[in-house]
Protein backbone atom coordinates (compact mmCIF):
# COMPACT_ATOMS: atom_id res chain seq x y z
CA MET A 1 40.85 -33.57 21.66
CA PRO A 2 42.30 -32.06 24.84
CA GLU A 3 41.79 -34.06 28.04
CA GLU A 4 40.15 -31.07 29.76
CA LEU A 5 37.53 -30.87 27.00
CA LEU A 6 36.79 -34.60 27.25
CA LYS A 7 36.35 -34.31 31.02
CA THR A 8 34.06 -31.31 30.63
CA ILE A 9 31.95 -33.12 28.02
CA GLU A 10 31.74 -36.15 30.30
CA THR A 11 30.71 -34.06 33.32
CA GLN A 12 28.08 -32.08 31.41
CA SER A 13 26.65 -35.15 29.70
CA GLN A 14 26.26 -36.82 33.10
CA ARG A 15 24.45 -33.73 34.45
CA GLU A 16 22.08 -33.94 31.50
CA HIS A 17 21.66 -37.71 31.84
CA SER A 18 22.97 -38.21 28.32
CA SER A 19 25.82 -40.03 26.64
CA ARG A 20 28.82 -38.02 25.51
CA SER A 21 27.91 -38.52 21.86
CA GLY A 22 24.27 -37.61 22.55
CA PHE A 23 25.33 -34.45 24.36
CA VAL A 24 27.69 -33.39 21.54
CA THR A 25 25.04 -34.22 18.92
CA ASN A 26 22.42 -32.12 20.73
CA LEU A 27 24.85 -29.23 21.08
CA LEU A 28 25.82 -29.36 17.41
CA PHE A 29 22.19 -29.69 16.36
CA PHE A 30 21.37 -26.55 18.33
CA LEU A 31 24.31 -24.60 16.89
CA LEU A 32 23.84 -25.71 13.30
CA LEU A 33 20.21 -26.66 12.67
CA SER A 34 17.93 -24.94 15.18
CA PRO A 35 16.32 -21.61 14.25
CA ILE A 36 18.51 -19.87 16.84
CA GLY A 37 21.59 -21.63 15.49
CA LYS A 38 20.74 -20.61 11.94
CA GLN A 39 20.32 -17.00 13.07
CA LEU A 40 23.66 -17.26 14.86
CA GLN A 41 25.26 -18.51 11.65
CA LYS A 42 23.69 -15.69 9.66
CA ASN A 43 24.87 -13.08 12.16
CA ALA A 44 28.35 -14.61 12.18
CA SER A 45 28.51 -14.39 8.42
CA LEU A 46 27.28 -10.78 8.38
CA ASN A 47 29.78 -9.81 11.07
CA ARG A 48 32.59 -11.86 9.50
CA ARG A 49 33.04 -13.98 12.60
CA THR A 50 33.07 -17.67 13.32
CA ILE A 51 30.01 -19.18 14.98
CA ALA A 52 32.00 -19.47 18.21
CA GLN A 53 33.00 -15.80 18.05
CA GLU A 54 29.42 -14.72 17.37
CA LEU A 55 28.11 -16.82 20.25
CA GLU A 56 30.78 -15.36 22.51
CA GLN A 57 29.80 -11.80 21.53
CA SER A 58 26.15 -12.57 22.24
CA LEU A 59 27.00 -14.01 25.64
CA VAL A 60 29.24 -11.06 26.47
CA LEU A 61 26.31 -8.76 25.78
CA PHE A 62 24.13 -10.62 28.25
CA GLN A 63 26.79 -11.30 30.86
CA GLN A 64 28.68 -8.02 30.94
CA GLN A 65 26.53 -5.27 29.51
CA LEU A 66 23.09 -6.00 30.91
CA PRO A 67 22.30 -5.43 34.60
CA LEU A 68 21.20 -9.04 35.16
CA HIS A 69 21.00 -8.63 38.94
CA GLN A 70 18.57 -5.74 38.56
CA ILE A 71 16.61 -7.59 35.84
CA ASN A 72 16.34 -10.64 38.12
CA GLN A 73 15.08 -8.45 40.99
CA LEU A 74 12.43 -6.91 38.74
CA ALA A 75 11.47 -10.34 37.45
CA ALA A 76 11.01 -11.70 40.97
CA ALA A 77 9.02 -8.65 42.05
CA THR A 78 6.63 -9.04 39.11
CA GLN A 79 6.54 -12.85 39.13
CA ARG A 80 8.16 -13.15 35.70
CA SER A 81 11.04 -15.29 34.56
CA GLN A 82 14.30 -13.61 33.60
CA ALA A 83 13.52 -14.15 29.91
CA GLN A 84 10.01 -12.70 30.27
CA MET A 85 11.35 -9.64 32.08
CA MET A 86 14.07 -9.06 29.50
CA THR A 87 11.52 -9.31 26.69
CA TYR A 88 9.18 -6.93 28.52
CA LEU A 89 11.97 -4.41 29.12
CA VAL A 90 13.16 -4.52 25.51
CA LEU A 91 9.61 -4.01 24.19
CA LEU A 92 9.04 -1.21 26.69
CA GLY A 93 12.32 0.39 25.67
CA LEU A 94 11.37 0.20 21.99
CA GLN A 95 8.04 1.85 22.72
CA ALA A 96 9.75 4.62 24.69
CA TYR A 97 12.30 5.12 21.93
CA GLN A 98 9.59 5.34 19.26
CA ALA A 99 7.60 7.80 21.39
CA LYS A 100 10.73 9.94 21.80
CA GLU A 101 11.29 9.89 18.03
CA ARG A 102 7.69 11.02 17.44
CA LEU A 103 8.09 13.83 19.98
CA ASN A 104 11.30 14.94 18.30
CA LYS A 105 9.62 14.99 14.89
CA ASN A 106 6.65 16.95 16.25
CA ALA A 107 9.00 19.44 17.92
CA GLU A 108 10.72 20.11 14.60
CA TYR A 109 7.48 21.32 12.98
């Protein structure tokens, strides 16, 4: 194992008040056995990626393609957490999309 990785594991485990083995076990449990981890595995398989590649793609979506600064401002203004605001915006977007689809269908008749 590279020295840099060992140092990073040590630093993070200290931040989380855990042993190195406990930290690694919790991380692996999350990636392999949690419901989110199982969905990540399923998505990785469907997309023919490794779990690490799938996780990276998911993080890229959130880090680079979503306007997190704007979402955080909206969250603060409405006293929601970032996760609550993102969920609200996705559900609102789905409703708007479905309404648009209904309007398009009605316009065709």
